[in-house]
Protein backbone atom coordinates (compact mmCIF):
# COMPACT_ATOMS: atom_id res chain seq x y z
CA UNK A 1 0.00 0.00 0.00
CA UNK A 2 1.39 3.38 -1.01
CA UNK A 3 0.42 6.53 0.83
CA UNK A 4 0.84 9.88 -0.83
CA UNK A 5 1.07 13.01 1.23
CA UNK A 6 -0.02 16.13 -0.60
CA UNK A 7 0.51 19.28 1.43
CA UNK A 8 -2.47 21.57 1.38
CA UNK A 9 -2.00 25.25 1.02
CA UNK A 10 -3.71 27.14 3.76
CA UNK A 11 -5.35 30.30 2.58
CA UNK A 12 -6.82 32.63 5.17
CA UNK A 13 -8.13 36.15 5.05
CA UNK A 14 -6.04 38.67 6.90
CA UNK A 15 -8.24 40.79 9.14
CA UNK A 16 -6.01 43.42 10.69
CA UNK A 17 -7.11 45.45 13.70
CA UNK A 18 -6.61 49.16 12.98
CA UNK A 19 -8.51 51.03 15.69
CA UNK A 20 -11.12 51.11 18.42
CA UNK A 21 -14.06 53.53 18.25
CA UNK A 22 -14.76 54.39 21.86
CA UNK A 23 -18.17 55.99 21.35
CA UNK A 24 -19.56 52.83 19.73
CA UNK A 25 -17.27 50.45 21.66
CA UNK A 26 -16.38 48.85 18.33
CA UNK A 27 -13.09 47.44 17.04
CA UNK A 28 -12.37 48.05 13.36
CA UNK A 29 -10.57 45.44 11.28
CA UNK A 30 -9.35 45.95 7.72
CA UNK A 31 -9.74 42.92 5.44
CA UNK A 32 -6.27 43.34 3.94
CA UNK A 33 -6.77 41.39 0.72
CA UNK A 34 -9.68 43.66 -0.27
CA UNK A 35 -7.53 46.79 -0.57
CA UNK A 36 -7.49 47.84 -4.20
CA UNK A 37 -6.79 51.13 -5.84
CA UNK A 38 -5.91 53.17 -8.86
CA UNK A 39 -3.26 55.80 -8.18
CA UNK A 40 -3.87 57.56 -11.52
CA UNK A 41 -7.48 58.14 -10.51
CA UNK A 42 -6.73 58.81 -6.82
CA UNK A 43 -9.17 56.11 -5.75
CA UNK A 44 -9.07 53.06 -3.50
CA UNK A 45 -11.51 50.81 -1.71
CA UNK A 46 -11.38 48.42 1.21
CA UNK A 47 -13.73 46.23 3.22
CA UNK A 48 -13.77 46.44 7.00
CA UNK A 49 -15.38 44.54 9.82
CA UNK A 50 -16.96 46.16 12.86
CA UNK A 51 -16.65 43.90 15.90
CA UNK A 52 -17.92 44.29 19.46
CA UNK A 53 -17.07 41.79 22.16
CA UNK A 54 -15.79 39.30 19.60
CA UNK A 55 -19.05 39.40 17.61
CA UNK A 56 -19.19 40.66 14.04
CA UNK A 57 -21.67 43.54 13.82
CA UNK A 58 -21.33 44.33 10.13
CA UNK A 59 -19.08 44.44 7.10
CA UNK A 60 -18.58 47.90 5.64
CA UNK A 61 -17.04 48.79 2.29
CA UNK A 62 -15.16 52.11 2.22
CA UNK A 63 -14.35 54.00 -0.98
CA UNK A 64 -11.79 56.81 -0.78
CA UNK A 65 -11.27 59.32 -3.57
CA UNK A 66 -9.56 62.59 -4.28
CA UNK A 67 -10.23 65.01 -7.12
CA UNK A 68 -7.10 66.82 -8.31
CA UNK A 69 -5.71 68.95 -5.45
CA UNK A 70 -8.78 68.62 -3.25
CA UNK A 71 -8.75 66.80 0.06
CA UNK A 72 -9.44 63.06 0.35
CA UNK A 73 -13.09 62.04 0.72
CA UNK A 74 -14.88 58.79 1.50
CA UNK A 75 -18.19 57.03 1.12
CA UNK A 76 -19.20 53.81 2.85
CA UNK A 77 -21.70 51.10 2.03
CA UNK A 78 -23.75 52.26 5.03
CA UNK A 79 -24.19 55.79 3.63
CA UNK A 80 -27.09 56.70 1.35
CA UNK A 81 -24.92 57.27 -1.74
CA UNK A 82 -25.82 60.91 -2.26
CA UNK A 83 -22.57 62.46 -1.03
CA UNK A 84 -19.02 61.88 0.14
CA UNK A 85 -17.50 63.02 3.43
CA UNK A 86 -14.09 64.62 3.98
CA UNK A 87 -11.60 62.27 5.66
CA UNK A 88 -10.46 63.83 8.93
CA UNK A 89 -7.13 62.90 10.56
CA UNK A 90 -6.44 60.44 12.27
CA UNK A 91 -8.52 58.00 10.27
CA UNK A 92 -6.61 54.78 10.81
CA UNK A 93 -8.47 52.93 8.04
CA UNK A 94 -7.32 55.57 5.54
CA UNK A 95 -3.75 55.66 6.87
CA UNK A 96 -3.39 51.87 6.99
CA UNK A 97 -4.57 51.50 3.39
CA UNK A 98 -2.43 54.36 2.09
CA UNK A 99 0.63 52.83 3.74
CA UNK A 100 -0.24 49.37 2.41
CA UNK A 101 -0.67 50.79 -1.11
CA UNK A 102 2.60 52.75 -0.74
CA UNK A 103 0.90 56.04 -1.56
CA UNK A 104 1.90 59.36 -0.05
CA UNK A 105 -0.39 61.70 1.81
CA UNK A 106 0.04 64.75 3.96
CA UNK A 107 -2.06 66.36 6.66
CA UNK A 108 -2.70 70.08 6.33
CA UNK A 109 -4.79 71.70 9.03
CA UNK A 110 -7.65 69.22 9.49
CA UNK A 111 -7.53 67.37 6.17
CA UNK A 112 -5.60 64.73 4.22
CA UNK A 113 -4.10 65.76 0.88
C-alpha atoms as a PDB file:
ATOM      1  CA  UNK A   1       0.000   0.000   0.000  1.00  0.00           C
ATOM      2  CA  UNK A   2       1.387   3.380  -1.008  1.00  0.00           C
ATOM      3  CA  UNK A   3       0.417   6.530   0.827  1.00  0.00           C
ATOM      4  CA  UNK A   4       0.839   9.882  -0.827  1.00  0.00           C
ATOM      5  CA  UNK A   5       1.068  13.014   1.231  1.00  0.00           C
ATOM      6  CA  UNK A   6      -0.018  16.128  -0.603  1.00  0.00           C
ATOM      7  CA  UNK A   7       0.505  19.276   1.429  1.00  0.00           C
ATOM      8  CA  UNK A   8      -2.467  21.571   1.382  1.00  0.00           C
ATOM      9  CA  UNK A   9      -1.995  25.252   1.018  1.00  0.00           C
ATOM     10  CA  UNK A  10      -3.714  27.140   3.759  1.00  0.00           C
ATOM     11  CA  UNK A  11      -5.355  30.304   2.583  1.00  0.00           C
ATOM     12  CA  UNK A  12      -6.820  32.633   5.166  1.00  0.00           C
ATOM     13  CA  UNK A  13      -8.129  36.149   5.047  1.00  0.00           C
ATOM     14  CA  UNK A  14      -6.045  38.674   6.898  1.00  0.00           C
ATOM     15  CA  UNK A  15      -8.241  40.788   9.143  1.00  0.00           C
ATOM     16  CA  UNK A  16      -6.006  43.417  10.693  1.00  0.00           C
ATOM     17  CA  UNK A  17      -7.105  45.454  13.696  1.00  0.00           C
ATOM     18  CA  UNK A  18      -6.610  49.156  12.985  1.00  0.00           C
ATOM     19  CA  UNK A  19      -8.510  51.029  15.687  1.00  0.00           C
ATOM     20  CA  UNK A  20     -11.120  51.113  18.421  1.00  0.00           C
ATOM     21  CA  UNK A  21     -14.056  53.528  18.247  1.00  0.00           C
ATOM     22  CA  UNK A  22     -14.756  54.393  21.864  1.00  0.00           C
ATOM     23  CA  UNK A  23     -18.170  55.985  21.354  1.00  0.00           C
ATOM     24  CA  UNK A  24     -19.556  52.833  19.735  1.00  0.00           C
ATOM     25  CA  UNK A  25     -17.270  50.446  21.663  1.00  0.00           C
ATOM     26  CA  UNK A  26     -16.376  48.849  18.332  1.00  0.00           C
ATOM     27  CA  UNK A  27     -13.095  47.436  17.039  1.00  0.00           C
ATOM     28  CA  UNK A  28     -12.369  48.047  13.362  1.00  0.00           C
ATOM     29  CA  UNK A  29     -10.575  45.442  11.275  1.00  0.00           C
ATOM     30  CA  UNK A  30      -9.355  45.949   7.716  1.00  0.00           C
ATOM     31  CA  UNK A  31      -9.737  42.923   5.437  1.00  0.00           C
ATOM     32  CA  UNK A  32      -6.270  43.343   3.939  1.00  0.00           C
ATOM     33  CA  UNK A  33      -6.773  41.386   0.725  1.00  0.00           C
ATOM     34  CA  UNK A  34      -9.677  43.663  -0.270  1.00  0.00           C
ATOM     35  CA  UNK A  35      -7.525  46.790  -0.567  1.00  0.00           C
ATOM     36  CA  UNK A  36      -7.490  47.837  -4.202  1.00  0.00           C
ATOM     37  CA  UNK A  37      -6.788  51.127  -5.836  1.00  0.00           C
ATOM     38  CA  UNK A  38      -5.909  53.166  -8.859  1.00  0.00           C
ATOM     39  CA  UNK A  39      -3.258  55.800  -8.181  1.00  0.00           C
ATOM     40  CA  UNK A  40      -3.873  57.556 -11.521  1.00  0.00           C
ATOM     41  CA  UNK A  41      -7.481  58.142 -10.508  1.00  0.00           C
ATOM     42  CA  UNK A  42      -6.733  58.811  -6.816  1.00  0.00           C
ATOM     43  CA  UNK A  43      -9.168  56.113  -5.752  1.00  0.00           C
ATOM     44  CA  UNK A  44      -9.073  53.057  -3.505  1.00  0.00           C
ATOM     45  CA  UNK A  45     -11.513  50.814  -1.708  1.00  0.00           C
ATOM     46  CA  UNK A  46     -11.380  48.416   1.209  1.00  0.00           C
ATOM     47  CA  UNK A  47     -13.726  46.231   3.223  1.00  0.00           C
ATOM     48  CA  UNK A  48     -13.771  46.437   7.003  1.00  0.00           C
ATOM     49  CA  UNK A  49     -15.385  44.543   9.825  1.00  0.00           C
ATOM     50  CA  UNK A  50     -16.957  46.164  12.857  1.00  0.00           C
ATOM     51  CA  UNK A  51     -16.648  43.902  15.901  1.00  0.00           C
ATOM     52  CA  UNK A  52     -17.916  44.291  19.460  1.00  0.00           C
ATOM     53  CA  UNK A  53     -17.066  41.787  22.161  1.00  0.00           C
ATOM     54  CA  UNK A  54     -15.785  39.304  19.601  1.00  0.00           C
ATOM     55  CA  UNK A  55     -19.048  39.401  17.613  1.00  0.00           C
ATOM     56  CA  UNK A  56     -19.193  40.665  14.044  1.00  0.00           C
ATOM     57  CA  UNK A  57     -21.669  43.540  13.821  1.00  0.00           C
ATOM     58  CA  UNK A  58     -21.335  44.330  10.134  1.00  0.00           C
ATOM     59  CA  UNK A  59     -19.083  44.442   7.097  1.00  0.00           C
ATOM     60  CA  UNK A  60     -18.585  47.903   5.635  1.00  0.00           C
ATOM     61  CA  UNK A  61     -17.036  48.792   2.290  1.00  0.00           C
ATOM     62  CA  UNK A  62     -15.157  52.107   2.216  1.00  0.00           C
ATOM     63  CA  UNK A  63     -14.347  53.999  -0.978  1.00  0.00           C
ATOM     64  CA  UNK A  64     -11.795  56.807  -0.783  1.00  0.00           C
ATOM     65  CA  UNK A  65     -11.269  59.316  -3.574  1.00  0.00           C
ATOM     66  CA  UNK A  66      -9.563  62.586  -4.282  1.00  0.00           C
ATOM     67  CA  UNK A  67     -10.234  65.014  -7.120  1.00  0.00           C
ATOM     68  CA  UNK A  68      -7.100  66.823  -8.308  1.00  0.00           C
ATOM     69  CA  UNK A  69      -5.705  68.954  -5.454  1.00  0.00           C
ATOM     70  CA  UNK A  70      -8.779  68.616  -3.253  1.00  0.00           C
ATOM     71  CA  UNK A  71      -8.750  66.801   0.063  1.00  0.00           C
ATOM     72  CA  UNK A  72      -9.438  63.059   0.348  1.00  0.00           C
ATOM     73  CA  UNK A  73     -13.091  62.043   0.723  1.00  0.00           C
ATOM     74  CA  UNK A  74     -14.884  58.795   1.495  1.00  0.00           C
ATOM     75  CA  UNK A  75     -18.191  57.034   1.123  1.00  0.00           C
ATOM     76  CA  UNK A  76     -19.204  53.813   2.849  1.00  0.00           C
ATOM     77  CA  UNK A  77     -21.696  51.105   2.029  1.00  0.00           C
ATOM     78  CA  UNK A  78     -23.745  52.263   5.034  1.00  0.00           C
ATOM     79  CA  UNK A  79     -24.190  55.786   3.632  1.00  0.00           C
ATOM     80  CA  UNK A  80     -27.088  56.699   1.352  1.00  0.00           C
ATOM     81  CA  UNK A  81     -24.923  57.268  -1.744  1.00  0.00           C
ATOM     82  CA  UNK A  82     -25.816  60.912  -2.265  1.00  0.00           C
ATOM     83  CA  UNK A  83     -22.573  62.459  -1.025  1.00  0.00           C
ATOM     84  CA  UNK A  84     -19.024  61.885   0.142  1.00  0.00           C
ATOM     85  CA  UNK A  85     -17.499  63.021   3.427  1.00  0.00           C
ATOM     86  CA  UNK A  86     -14.088  64.617   3.977  1.00  0.00           C
ATOM     87  CA  UNK A  87     -11.599  62.274   5.657  1.00  0.00           C
ATOM     88  CA  UNK A  88     -10.462  63.831   8.930  1.00  0.00           C
ATOM     89  CA  UNK A  89      -7.131  62.903  10.564  1.00  0.00           C
ATOM     90  CA  UNK A  90      -6.436  60.441  12.272  1.00  0.00           C
ATOM     91  CA  UNK A  91      -8.517  57.999  10.265  1.00  0.00           C
ATOM     92  CA  UNK A  92      -6.607  54.784  10.810  1.00  0.00           C
ATOM     93  CA  UNK A  93      -8.469  52.929   8.040  1.00  0.00           C
ATOM     94  CA  UNK A  94      -7.317  55.568   5.540  1.00  0.00           C
ATOM     95  CA  UNK A  95      -3.752  55.661   6.873  1.00  0.00           C
ATOM     96  CA  UNK A  96      -3.389  51.875   6.986  1.00  0.00           C
ATOM     97  CA  UNK A  97      -4.573  51.503   3.393  1.00  0.00           C
ATOM     98  CA  UNK A  98      -2.432  54.359   2.094  1.00  0.00           C
ATOM     99  CA  UNK A  99       0.627  52.829   3.739  1.00  0.00           C
ATOM    100  CA  UNK A 100      -0.238  49.367   2.412  1.00  0.00           C
ATOM    101  CA  UNK A 101      -0.667  50.787  -1.106  1.00  0.00           C
ATOM    102  CA  UNK A 102       2.599  52.745  -0.738  1.00  0.00           C
ATOM    103  CA  UNK A 103       0.899  56.038  -1.556  1.00  0.00           C
ATOM    104  CA  UNK A 104       1.903  59.359  -0.047  1.00  0.00           C
ATOM    105  CA  UNK A 105      -0.387  61.700   1.809  1.00  0.00           C
ATOM    106  CA  UNK A 106       0.035  64.753   3.964  1.00  0.00           C
ATOM    107  CA  UNK A 107      -2.055  66.363   6.659  1.00  0.00           C
ATOM    108  CA  UNK A 108      -2.697  70.080   6.328  1.00  0.00           C
ATOM    109  CA  UNK A 109      -4.791  71.699   9.031  1.00  0.00           C
ATOM    110  CA  UNK A 110      -7.648  69.220   9.494  1.00  0.00           C
ATOM    111  CA  UNK A 111      -7.530  67.369   6.173  1.00  0.00           C
ATOM    112  CA  UNK A 112      -5.598  64.733   4.222  1.00  0.00           C
ATOM    113  CA  UNK A 113      -4.099  65.763   0.881  1.00  0.00           C
END
